[in-house]
Amino acid sequence: MGYTAYFDLRLRRDPDIPAWERLGRLWHLVHSAASRSAVPFAVSFPLWMQGGFGFGETLRLFTPDSSRAESLYDALEKAPQAADLADGSRIRKAHAPQTFEAFLMHRIPSGPSKPRKNVELERAKELRDQALRRRIAQQQHLPFVRMRSSSGHAFRLVVERVAASGTETGAPNGYGLSRTSQIVALPIIPASL
């Protein structure tokens, strides 16, 4: 399933609230609206790292087709605070894109992913700690937003931008991001101002 229909959400200016915090709030609203309307979506950031370290002030939402983009747009219009956070563009379709990218979610696992029957408990803890330090070091140079899960737990949503070939057909997660095993190729379309 290709993700070719899209629209942009451009953050409104607010000198009292940093852009990364406004983006986190908006992204959470998108996550909730997509969940309620059962619309699969993928995100991109056309202003990635422009004007400093971060995502930029535009969140681009891709859906498989225009009708689902309209459903997601309608669900967002009903979301409280969405209009205060961002302005939406019209829905467009990417025609014959030539270059692609993907946005990967990075996470820090809370524990070992699989029990290790042949590794002593102390050694398993040591390996987990090494993996944790390695992941934290990898993520130091990647932008993030603070999010809150539906159960109320706060976490960092860390994202990496990678090149894609255009043949990847993975499914995005609930935040519209690729995972290493599920790459979602998104067309690169310059930001419209």
N, C-alpha and C. Protein backbone atom coordinates (compact mmCIF):
# COMPACT_ATOMS: atom_id res chain seq x y z
N MET A 1 0.85 -1.17 0.00
CA MET A 1 0.00 0.00 0.00
C MET A 1 0.89 1.23 0.00
N GLY A 2 0.81 2.05 -1.01
CA GLY A 2 1.60 3.27 -1.07
C GLY A 2 0.89 4.41 -0.36
N TYR A 3 1.66 5.31 0.19
CA TYR A 3 1.12 6.48 0.87
C TYR A 3 1.39 7.69 -0.02
N THR A 4 0.37 8.12 -0.78
CA THR A 4 0.57 9.17 -1.77
C THR A 4 -0.32 10.39 -1.58
N ALA A 5 -1.42 10.27 -0.85
CA ALA A 5 -2.26 11.44 -0.57
C ALA A 5 -1.71 12.09 0.69
N TYR A 6 -1.66 13.41 0.72
CA TYR A 6 -1.07 14.07 1.88
C TYR A 6 -1.65 15.46 2.11
N PHE A 7 -1.45 15.93 3.31
CA PHE A 7 -1.72 17.33 3.65
C PHE A 7 -0.74 17.74 4.74
N ASP A 8 -0.52 19.04 4.84
CA ASP A 8 0.42 19.59 5.81
C ASP A 8 -0.33 20.24 6.96
N LEU A 9 0.26 20.12 8.14
CA LEU A 9 -0.19 20.86 9.31
C LEU A 9 0.98 21.75 9.73
N ARG A 10 0.80 23.03 9.57
CA ARG A 10 1.87 24.00 9.91
C ARG A 10 1.57 24.60 11.28
N LEU A 11 2.53 24.49 12.18
CA LEU A 11 2.34 24.99 13.54
C LEU A 11 2.10 26.49 13.54
N ARG A 12 1.16 26.91 14.35
CA ARG A 12 0.93 28.35 14.56
C ARG A 12 2.02 28.86 15.49
N ARG A 13 2.38 30.11 15.34
CA ARG A 13 3.40 30.73 16.18
C ARG A 13 2.84 30.94 17.59
N ASP A 14 3.67 30.68 18.56
CA ASP A 14 3.33 30.96 19.96
C ASP A 14 4.65 31.18 20.70
N PRO A 15 4.97 32.43 21.02
CA PRO A 15 6.26 32.72 21.64
C PRO A 15 6.41 32.11 23.04
N ASP A 16 5.30 31.71 23.67
CA ASP A 16 5.36 31.17 25.02
C ASP A 16 5.59 29.66 25.07
N ILE A 17 5.34 28.96 23.96
CA ILE A 17 5.47 27.50 23.95
C ILE A 17 6.44 27.11 22.84
N PRO A 18 7.52 26.40 23.15
CA PRO A 18 8.49 26.02 22.12
C PRO A 18 7.85 25.14 21.02
N ALA A 19 8.42 25.23 19.83
CA ALA A 19 7.89 24.49 18.68
C ALA A 19 7.85 22.99 18.95
N TRP A 20 8.91 22.44 19.58
CA TRP A 20 8.92 21.00 19.82
C TRP A 20 7.78 20.57 20.73
N GLU A 21 7.38 21.42 21.67
CA GLU A 21 6.27 21.07 22.56
C GLU A 21 4.94 21.15 21.82
N ARG A 22 4.78 22.19 20.99
CA ARG A 22 3.55 22.32 20.19
C ARG A 22 3.44 21.15 19.22
N LEU A 23 4.59 20.75 18.61
CA LEU A 23 4.58 19.62 17.69
C LEU A 23 4.17 18.33 18.42
N GLY A 24 4.69 18.13 19.61
CA GLY A 24 4.31 16.95 20.39
C GLY A 24 2.82 16.90 20.68
N ARG A 25 2.24 18.03 21.03
CA ARG A 25 0.80 18.10 21.29
C ARG A 25 0.00 17.81 20.03
N LEU A 26 0.43 18.43 18.91
CA LEU A 26 -0.27 18.21 17.65
C LEU A 26 -0.17 16.75 17.21
N TRP A 27 1.01 16.19 17.31
CA TRP A 27 1.24 14.81 16.91
C TRP A 27 0.38 13.86 17.74
N HIS A 28 0.24 14.15 19.02
CA HIS A 28 -0.63 13.32 19.87
C HIS A 28 -2.08 13.41 19.40
N LEU A 29 -2.53 14.60 19.01
CA LEU A 29 -3.89 14.75 18.49
C LEU A 29 -4.08 13.97 17.19
N VAL A 30 -3.06 13.98 16.33
CA VAL A 30 -3.12 13.21 15.08
C VAL A 30 -3.22 11.72 15.40
N HIS A 31 -2.37 11.26 16.31
CA HIS A 31 -2.38 9.85 16.73
C HIS A 31 -3.78 9.44 17.21
N SER A 32 -4.39 10.27 18.05
CA SER A 32 -5.73 9.97 18.59
C SER A 32 -6.80 10.02 17.50
N ALA A 33 -6.75 11.04 16.66
CA ALA A 33 -7.75 11.18 15.59
C ALA A 33 -7.66 10.02 14.61
N ALA A 34 -6.45 9.61 14.27
CA ALA A 34 -6.28 8.48 13.34
C ALA A 34 -6.79 7.19 13.96
N SER A 35 -6.55 7.03 15.24
CA SER A 35 -7.02 5.84 15.94
C SER A 35 -8.55 5.79 15.96
N ARG A 36 -9.18 6.92 16.28
CA ARG A 36 -10.65 6.98 16.32
C ARG A 36 -11.27 6.75 14.94
N SER A 37 -10.64 7.28 13.90
CA SER A 37 -11.21 7.17 12.56
C SER A 37 -10.69 5.97 11.79
N ALA A 38 -9.80 5.20 12.39
CA ALA A 38 -9.23 3.99 11.78
C ALA A 38 -8.57 4.28 10.43
N VAL A 39 -7.82 5.38 10.38
CA VAL A 39 -7.11 5.77 9.16
C VAL A 39 -5.62 5.52 9.35
N PRO A 40 -5.02 4.66 8.51
CA PRO A 40 -3.56 4.51 8.59
C PRO A 40 -2.89 5.76 8.02
N PHE A 41 -1.84 6.20 8.68
CA PHE A 41 -1.14 7.40 8.22
C PHE A 41 0.35 7.25 8.46
N ALA A 42 1.11 8.03 7.71
CA ALA A 42 2.56 8.10 7.89
C ALA A 42 2.92 9.57 7.95
N VAL A 43 3.99 9.88 8.69
CA VAL A 43 4.40 11.27 8.85
C VAL A 43 5.73 11.54 8.19
N SER A 44 5.88 12.78 7.74
CA SER A 44 7.18 13.26 7.29
C SER A 44 7.31 14.70 7.76
N PHE A 45 8.50 15.21 7.61
CA PHE A 45 8.82 16.55 8.11
C PHE A 45 9.56 17.29 7.01
N PRO A 46 8.83 18.03 6.16
CA PRO A 46 9.48 18.69 5.02
C PRO A 46 10.48 19.77 5.40
N LEU A 47 10.45 20.24 6.64
CA LEU A 47 11.40 21.26 7.08
C LEU A 47 12.40 20.68 8.08
N TRP A 48 12.68 19.39 7.95
CA TRP A 48 13.59 18.66 8.83
C TRP A 48 14.92 19.39 8.96
N MET A 49 15.32 19.69 10.17
CA MET A 49 16.60 20.31 10.53
C MET A 49 16.82 21.69 9.90
N GLN A 50 15.79 22.31 9.36
CA GLN A 50 15.94 23.67 8.86
C GLN A 50 15.73 24.64 10.01
N GLY A 51 16.60 25.56 10.16
CA GLY A 51 16.48 26.53 11.24
C GLY A 51 16.90 25.97 12.58
N GLY A 52 17.73 24.93 12.57
CA GLY A 52 18.22 24.38 13.82
C GLY A 52 17.95 22.90 13.95
N PHE A 53 18.24 22.40 15.12
CA PHE A 53 18.12 20.98 15.41
C PHE A 53 16.66 20.65 15.70
N GLY A 54 16.00 19.94 14.81
CA GLY A 54 14.61 19.57 15.07
C GLY A 54 13.85 19.19 13.83
N PHE A 55 12.57 19.03 14.02
CA PHE A 55 11.66 18.55 12.97
C PHE A 55 11.21 19.65 12.03
N GLY A 56 11.30 20.89 12.45
CA GLY A 56 10.72 21.97 11.68
C GLY A 56 9.29 22.20 12.17
N GLU A 57 8.62 23.14 11.57
CA GLU A 57 7.29 23.50 12.04
C GLU A 57 6.17 23.01 11.14
N THR A 58 6.45 22.01 10.30
CA THR A 58 5.42 21.42 9.45
C THR A 58 5.40 19.91 9.64
N LEU A 59 4.23 19.41 9.96
CA LEU A 59 4.00 17.97 10.07
C LEU A 59 3.20 17.56 8.84
N ARG A 60 3.78 16.72 7.99
CA ARG A 60 3.09 16.26 6.77
C ARG A 60 2.50 14.88 7.05
N LEU A 61 1.22 14.72 6.75
CA LEU A 61 0.53 13.46 6.96
C LEU A 61 0.20 12.82 5.63
N PHE A 62 0.65 11.59 5.44
CA PHE A 62 0.37 10.81 4.24
C PHE A 62 -0.65 9.72 4.57
N THR A 63 -1.55 9.46 3.65
CA THR A 63 -2.50 8.35 3.76
C THR A 63 -2.48 7.60 2.43
N PRO A 64 -3.06 6.39 2.40
CA PRO A 64 -3.04 5.62 1.15
C PRO A 64 -3.84 6.25 0.01
N ASP A 65 -4.88 7.05 0.33
CA ASP A 65 -5.69 7.65 -0.72
C ASP A 65 -6.36 8.92 -0.20
N SER A 66 -6.94 9.68 -1.11
CA SER A 66 -7.54 10.97 -0.76
C SER A 66 -8.73 10.85 0.17
N SER A 67 -9.55 9.81 0.01
CA SER A 67 -10.72 9.68 0.87
C SER A 67 -10.31 9.45 2.33
N ARG A 68 -9.24 8.70 2.56
CA ARG A 68 -8.78 8.52 3.94
C ARG A 68 -8.09 9.78 4.46
N ALA A 69 -7.45 10.53 3.58
CA ALA A 69 -6.87 11.81 4.00
C ALA A 69 -7.99 12.75 4.45
N GLU A 70 -9.11 12.76 3.72
CA GLU A 70 -10.25 13.59 4.11
C GLU A 70 -10.83 13.15 5.45
N SER A 71 -10.91 11.84 5.66
CA SER A 71 -11.42 11.33 6.94
C SER A 71 -10.53 11.76 8.10
N LEU A 72 -9.22 11.66 7.91
CA LEU A 72 -8.29 12.08 8.95
C LEU A 72 -8.37 13.58 9.18
N TYR A 73 -8.44 14.35 8.10
CA TYR A 73 -8.55 15.80 8.20
C TYR A 73 -9.81 16.18 8.98
N ASP A 74 -10.94 15.53 8.65
CA ASP A 74 -12.20 15.80 9.35
C ASP A 74 -12.10 15.46 10.83
N ALA A 75 -11.47 14.33 11.15
CA ALA A 75 -11.30 13.93 12.55
C ALA A 75 -10.44 14.94 13.30
N LEU A 76 -9.42 15.48 12.64
CA LEU A 76 -8.57 16.48 13.27
C LEU A 76 -9.30 17.80 13.50
N GLU A 77 -10.18 18.16 12.58
CA GLU A 77 -10.94 19.40 12.75
C GLU A 77 -11.83 19.33 13.98
N LYS A 78 -12.26 18.12 14.36
CA LYS A 78 -13.11 17.94 15.53
C LYS A 78 -12.31 17.83 16.82
N ALA A 79 -11.00 17.64 16.71
CA ALA A 79 -10.15 17.46 17.89
C ALA A 79 -10.00 18.79 18.62
N PRO A 80 -10.20 18.75 19.94
CA PRO A 80 -10.01 20.00 20.69
C PRO A 80 -8.56 20.46 20.59
N GLN A 81 -8.36 21.73 20.46
CA GLN A 81 -7.06 22.39 20.42
C GLN A 81 -6.33 22.27 19.08
N ALA A 82 -6.78 21.45 18.17
CA ALA A 82 -6.06 21.29 16.90
C ALA A 82 -5.99 22.61 16.14
N ALA A 83 -7.09 23.33 16.08
CA ALA A 83 -7.11 24.60 15.35
C ALA A 83 -6.23 25.65 16.03
N ASP A 84 -6.05 25.53 17.34
CA ASP A 84 -5.17 26.46 18.06
C ASP A 84 -3.70 26.16 17.79
N LEU A 85 -3.39 24.91 17.47
CA LEU A 85 -2.00 24.49 17.29
C LEU A 85 -1.48 24.64 15.87
N ALA A 86 -2.35 24.41 14.87
CA ALA A 86 -1.84 24.36 13.49
C ALA A 86 -2.89 24.76 12.47
N ASP A 87 -2.39 25.15 11.31
CA ASP A 87 -3.23 25.41 10.14
C ASP A 87 -3.01 24.27 9.16
N GLY A 88 -4.07 23.79 8.54
CA GLY A 88 -3.96 22.70 7.59
C GLY A 88 -3.97 23.18 6.16
N SER A 89 -3.26 22.46 5.31
CA SER A 89 -3.26 22.76 3.87
C SER A 89 -4.37 21.94 3.21
N ARG A 90 -4.54 22.13 1.95
CA ARG A 90 -5.49 21.29 1.24
C ARG A 90 -4.86 19.92 1.00
N ILE A 91 -5.68 18.95 0.68
CA ILE A 91 -5.20 17.58 0.43
C ILE A 91 -4.68 17.51 -1.00
N ARG A 92 -3.51 16.90 -1.13
CA ARG A 92 -2.86 16.78 -2.44
C ARG A 92 -2.49 15.32 -2.68
N LYS A 93 -2.08 15.06 -3.90
CA LYS A 93 -1.65 13.71 -4.29
C LYS A 93 -0.25 13.82 -4.89
N ALA A 94 0.64 12.93 -4.45
CA ALA A 94 2.00 12.89 -5.02
C ALA A 94 1.93 12.10 -6.32
N HIS A 95 2.30 12.74 -7.43
CA HIS A 95 2.24 12.09 -8.73
C HIS A 95 3.65 11.74 -9.20
N ALA A 96 3.88 10.49 -9.50
CA ALA A 96 5.16 9.99 -10.04
C ALA A 96 6.38 10.52 -9.28
N PRO A 97 6.43 10.30 -7.97
CA PRO A 97 7.60 10.76 -7.22
C PRO A 97 8.86 10.04 -7.66
N GLN A 98 9.98 10.73 -7.56
CA GLN A 98 11.26 10.17 -7.98
C GLN A 98 12.17 9.81 -6.80
N THR A 99 12.02 10.54 -5.69
CA THR A 99 12.87 10.29 -4.53
C THR A 99 12.00 10.04 -3.30
N PHE A 100 12.54 9.21 -2.40
CA PHE A 100 11.76 8.78 -1.24
C PHE A 100 12.60 8.85 0.02
N GLU A 101 11.91 8.93 1.14
CA GLU A 101 12.54 8.92 2.44
C GLU A 101 11.64 8.15 3.40
N ALA A 102 12.17 7.86 4.55
CA ALA A 102 11.39 7.22 5.61
C ALA A 102 11.81 7.83 6.94
N PHE A 103 10.91 7.81 7.89
CA PHE A 103 11.19 8.34 9.22
C PHE A 103 11.02 7.20 10.21
N LEU A 104 12.14 6.82 10.82
CA LEU A 104 12.18 5.66 11.72
C LEU A 104 12.02 6.08 13.17
N MET A 105 11.23 5.32 13.89
CA MET A 105 11.12 5.53 15.32
C MET A 105 12.25 4.77 16.01
N HIS A 106 12.92 5.46 16.91
CA HIS A 106 13.94 4.83 17.75
C HIS A 106 13.36 4.70 19.14
N ARG A 107 13.59 3.60 19.76
CA ARG A 107 13.12 3.45 21.13
C ARG A 107 14.19 2.80 21.98
N ILE A 108 14.06 3.02 23.24
CA ILE A 108 14.96 2.38 24.19
C ILE A 108 14.15 1.31 24.90
N PRO A 109 14.49 0.06 24.70
CA PRO A 109 13.71 -1.01 25.33
C PRO A 109 13.85 -0.96 26.85
N SER A 110 12.77 -1.33 27.52
CA SER A 110 12.79 -1.29 28.98
C SER A 110 13.48 -2.51 29.58
N GLY A 111 13.62 -3.56 28.80
CA GLY A 111 14.27 -4.77 29.30
C GLY A 111 14.71 -5.63 28.15
N PRO A 112 15.28 -6.78 28.42
CA PRO A 112 15.69 -7.68 27.34
C PRO A 112 14.48 -8.12 26.54
N SER A 113 14.64 -8.19 25.22
CA SER A 113 13.51 -8.55 24.37
C SER A 113 13.18 -10.04 24.44
N LYS A 114 14.16 -10.86 24.71
CA LYS A 114 13.94 -12.31 24.79
C LYS A 114 14.67 -12.84 26.02
N PRO A 115 14.06 -13.79 26.69
CA PRO A 115 14.80 -14.40 27.80
C PRO A 115 15.98 -15.20 27.25
N ARG A 116 17.08 -15.09 27.92
CA ARG A 116 18.27 -15.81 27.50
C ARG A 116 18.50 -16.98 28.45
N LYS A 117 18.15 -18.15 28.00
CA LYS A 117 18.23 -19.32 28.85
C LYS A 117 19.66 -19.75 29.14
N ASN A 118 20.53 -19.49 28.20
CA ASN A 118 21.91 -19.95 28.38
C ASN A 118 22.85 -18.86 28.90
N VAL A 119 22.28 -17.70 29.35
CA VAL A 119 23.09 -16.60 29.87
C VAL A 119 22.70 -16.37 31.33
N GLU A 120 23.70 -16.27 32.17
CA GLU A 120 23.44 -16.01 33.59
C GLU A 120 22.77 -14.65 33.75
N LEU A 121 22.01 -14.52 34.83
CA LEU A 121 21.26 -13.30 35.08
C LEU A 121 22.15 -12.06 35.13
N GLU A 122 23.27 -12.15 35.80
CA GLU A 122 24.19 -11.00 35.90
C GLU A 122 24.71 -10.60 34.52
N ARG A 123 25.06 -11.58 33.72
CA ARG A 123 25.56 -11.30 32.36
C ARG A 123 24.45 -10.70 31.51
N ALA A 124 23.23 -11.18 31.65
CA ALA A 124 22.09 -10.64 30.90
C ALA A 124 21.87 -9.17 31.27
N LYS A 125 21.97 -8.84 32.55
CA LYS A 125 21.82 -7.45 32.99
C LYS A 125 22.93 -6.58 32.40
N GLU A 126 24.14 -7.10 32.39
CA GLU A 126 25.28 -6.37 31.83
C GLU A 126 25.06 -6.10 30.34
N LEU A 127 24.61 -7.10 29.61
CA LEU A 127 24.33 -6.94 28.17
C LEU A 127 23.22 -5.92 27.93
N ARG A 128 22.18 -5.96 28.77
CA ARG A 128 21.07 -5.00 28.65
C ARG A 128 21.58 -3.58 28.90
N ASP A 129 22.41 -3.40 29.92
CA ASP A 129 22.96 -2.08 30.23
C ASP A 129 23.85 -1.56 29.09
N GLN A 130 24.64 -2.44 28.49
CA GLN A 130 25.47 -2.05 27.35
C GLN A 130 24.61 -1.60 26.18
N ALA A 131 23.55 -2.37 25.91
CA ALA A 131 22.63 -2.03 24.81
C ALA A 131 21.95 -0.69 25.09
N LEU A 132 21.57 -0.47 26.34
CA LEU A 132 20.94 0.79 26.71
C LEU A 132 21.88 1.97 26.49
N ARG A 133 23.11 1.85 26.92
CA ARG A 133 24.10 2.93 26.71
C ARG A 133 24.34 3.17 25.22
N ARG A 134 24.42 2.09 24.43
CA ARG A 134 24.64 2.22 22.99
C ARG A 134 23.47 2.95 22.33
N ARG A 135 22.25 2.59 22.70
CA ARG A 135 21.07 3.24 22.12
C ARG A 135 21.00 4.71 22.50
N ILE A 136 21.29 5.02 23.73
CA ILE A 136 21.27 6.42 24.18
C ILE A 136 22.30 7.23 23.41
N ALA A 137 23.50 6.67 23.21
CA ALA A 137 24.55 7.36 22.44
C ALA A 137 24.11 7.57 20.99
N GLN A 138 23.45 6.59 20.40
CA GLN A 138 22.97 6.71 19.01
C GLN A 138 21.92 7.80 18.89
N GLN A 139 21.10 7.95 19.92
CA GLN A 139 19.98 8.88 19.85
C GLN A 139 20.34 10.32 20.19
N GLN A 140 21.53 10.55 20.68
CA GLN A 140 21.92 11.90 21.08
C GLN A 140 21.86 12.90 19.93
N HIS A 141 22.03 12.46 18.72
CA HIS A 141 22.08 13.35 17.58
C HIS A 141 20.79 13.32 16.75
N LEU A 142 19.72 12.80 17.36
CA LEU A 142 18.44 12.72 16.67
C LEU A 142 17.40 13.57 17.40
N PRO A 143 16.52 14.24 16.64
CA PRO A 143 15.49 15.05 17.29
C PRO A 143 14.41 14.17 17.93
N PHE A 144 13.72 14.74 18.90
CA PHE A 144 12.65 14.02 19.58
C PHE A 144 11.58 15.00 20.04
N VAL A 145 10.42 14.45 20.33
CA VAL A 145 9.37 15.20 21.01
C VAL A 145 8.96 14.40 22.23
N ARG A 146 8.45 15.10 23.21
CA ARG A 146 7.93 14.41 24.39
C ARG A 146 6.48 14.08 24.13
N MET A 147 6.14 12.83 24.41
CA MET A 147 4.77 12.36 24.19
C MET A 147 4.25 11.76 25.48
N ARG A 148 2.96 11.52 25.50
CA ARG A 148 2.32 10.85 26.61
C ARG A 148 1.43 9.76 26.01
N SER A 149 1.61 8.55 26.50
CA SER A 149 0.83 7.42 25.98
C SER A 149 -0.61 7.53 26.47
N SER A 150 -1.48 6.69 25.91
CA SER A 150 -2.88 6.70 26.33
C SER A 150 -3.03 6.30 27.80
N SER A 151 -2.05 5.56 28.32
CA SER A 151 -2.09 5.18 29.74
C SER A 151 -1.45 6.25 30.63
N GLY A 152 -0.97 7.35 30.03
CA GLY A 152 -0.44 8.46 30.81
C GLY A 152 1.06 8.46 31.02
N HIS A 153 1.77 7.48 30.48
CA HIS A 153 3.22 7.42 30.65
C HIS A 153 3.91 8.38 29.68
N ALA A 154 4.84 9.16 30.19
CA ALA A 154 5.60 10.09 29.35
C ALA A 154 6.78 9.35 28.72
N PHE A 155 7.09 9.69 27.49
CA PHE A 155 8.23 9.10 26.81
C PHE A 155 8.72 10.04 25.72
N ARG A 156 9.95 9.79 25.27
CA ARG A 156 10.52 10.55 24.15
C ARG A 156 10.27 9.77 22.87
N LEU A 157 9.77 10.45 21.87
CA LEU A 157 9.60 9.86 20.56
C LEU A 157 10.76 10.38 19.72
N VAL A 158 11.76 9.52 19.53
CA VAL A 158 13.00 9.87 18.83
C VAL A 158 12.88 9.39 17.39
N VAL A 159 13.27 10.24 16.44
CA VAL A 159 13.05 9.94 15.02
C VAL A 159 14.34 10.13 14.23
N GLU A 160 14.56 9.21 13.29
CA GLU A 160 15.68 9.31 12.36
C GLU A 160 15.14 9.35 10.94
N ARG A 161 15.69 10.21 10.13
CA ARG A 161 15.33 10.32 8.71
C ARG A 161 16.32 9.51 7.90
N VAL A 162 15.82 8.63 7.02
CA VAL A 162 16.68 7.79 6.18
C VAL A 162 16.18 7.83 4.74
N ALA A 163 17.08 7.56 3.82
CA ALA A 163 16.70 7.46 2.41
C ALA A 163 15.96 6.15 2.19
N ALA A 164 15.03 6.16 1.26
CA ALA A 164 14.28 4.95 0.90
C ALA A 164 14.31 4.80 -0.62
N SER A 165 14.14 3.59 -1.09
CA SER A 165 14.20 3.34 -2.53
C SER A 165 12.86 3.56 -3.22
N GLY A 166 11.78 3.52 -2.46
CA GLY A 166 10.45 3.66 -3.06
C GLY A 166 9.75 2.33 -3.23
N THR A 167 10.47 1.24 -3.02
CA THR A 167 9.86 -0.09 -3.16
C THR A 167 9.42 -0.65 -1.81
N GLU A 168 9.78 0.01 -0.71
CA GLU A 168 9.40 -0.47 0.61
C GLU A 168 7.89 -0.30 0.81
N THR A 169 7.26 -1.29 1.37
CA THR A 169 5.81 -1.26 1.54
C THR A 169 5.39 -1.63 2.96
N GLY A 170 6.17 -1.21 3.92
CA GLY A 170 5.86 -1.52 5.32
C GLY A 170 4.63 -0.77 5.80
N ALA A 171 4.23 -1.11 7.00
CA ALA A 171 3.09 -0.45 7.64
C ALA A 171 3.61 0.45 8.75
N PRO A 172 3.14 1.71 8.80
CA PRO A 172 3.59 2.60 9.86
C PRO A 172 3.00 2.20 11.21
N ASN A 173 3.67 2.60 12.28
CA ASN A 173 3.14 2.34 13.61
C ASN A 173 2.05 3.37 13.94
N GLY A 174 1.56 3.36 15.15
CA GLY A 174 0.47 4.26 15.54
C GLY A 174 0.82 5.73 15.52
N TYR A 175 2.11 6.05 15.44
CA TYR A 175 2.54 7.45 15.34
C TYR A 175 2.92 7.82 13.92
N GLY A 176 2.68 6.91 12.97
CA GLY A 176 2.95 7.19 11.56
C GLY A 176 4.41 7.03 11.17
N LEU A 177 5.17 6.31 11.99
CA LEU A 177 6.60 6.15 11.74
C LEU A 177 6.94 4.73 11.27
N SER A 178 8.03 4.65 10.54
CA SER A 178 8.57 3.35 10.14
C SER A 178 9.30 2.72 11.32
N ARG A 179 9.49 1.42 11.21
CA ARG A 179 10.37 0.68 12.11
C ARG A 179 11.39 0.00 11.22
N THR A 180 12.47 -0.48 11.78
CA THR A 180 13.51 -1.08 10.95
C THR A 180 12.98 -2.26 10.15
N SER A 181 11.99 -2.96 10.67
CA SER A 181 11.42 -4.11 9.96
C SER A 181 10.22 -3.73 9.10
N GLN A 182 9.77 -2.49 9.18
CA GLN A 182 8.59 -2.03 8.44
C GLN A 182 8.85 -0.62 7.90
N ILE A 183 9.62 -0.53 6.83
CA ILE A 183 9.95 0.78 6.24
C ILE A 183 8.78 1.24 5.37
N VAL A 184 8.38 2.49 5.56
CA VAL A 184 7.32 3.11 4.77
C VAL A 184 7.98 4.17 3.90
N ALA A 185 8.04 3.92 2.60
CA ALA A 185 8.65 4.87 1.67
C ALA A 185 7.67 6.01 1.41
N LEU A 186 8.13 7.24 1.66
CA LEU A 186 7.30 8.42 1.45
C LEU A 186 7.95 9.31 0.41
N PRO A 187 7.15 9.84 -0.51
CA PRO A 187 7.72 10.74 -1.53
C PRO A 187 8.29 12.00 -0.89
N ILE A 188 9.40 12.46 -1.42
CA ILE A 188 9.97 13.73 -0.97
C ILE A 188 9.33 14.84 -1.80
N ILE A 189 8.61 15.70 -1.11
CA ILE A 189 7.91 16.81 -1.74
C ILE A 189 8.32 18.07 -0.99
N PRO A 190 8.87 19.06 -1.66
CA PRO A 190 9.30 20.27 -0.95
C PRO A 190 8.14 20.91 -0.20
N ALA A 191 8.45 21.58 0.89
CA ALA A 191 7.45 22.25 1.69
C ALA A 191 6.92 23.46 0.93
N SER A 192 5.62 23.65 0.99
CA SER A 192 5.03 24.86 0.42
C SER A 192 4.83 25.85 1.54
N LEU A 193 5.14 27.08 1.29
CA LEU A 193 5.05 28.09 2.34
C LEU A 193 3.77 28.86 2.27
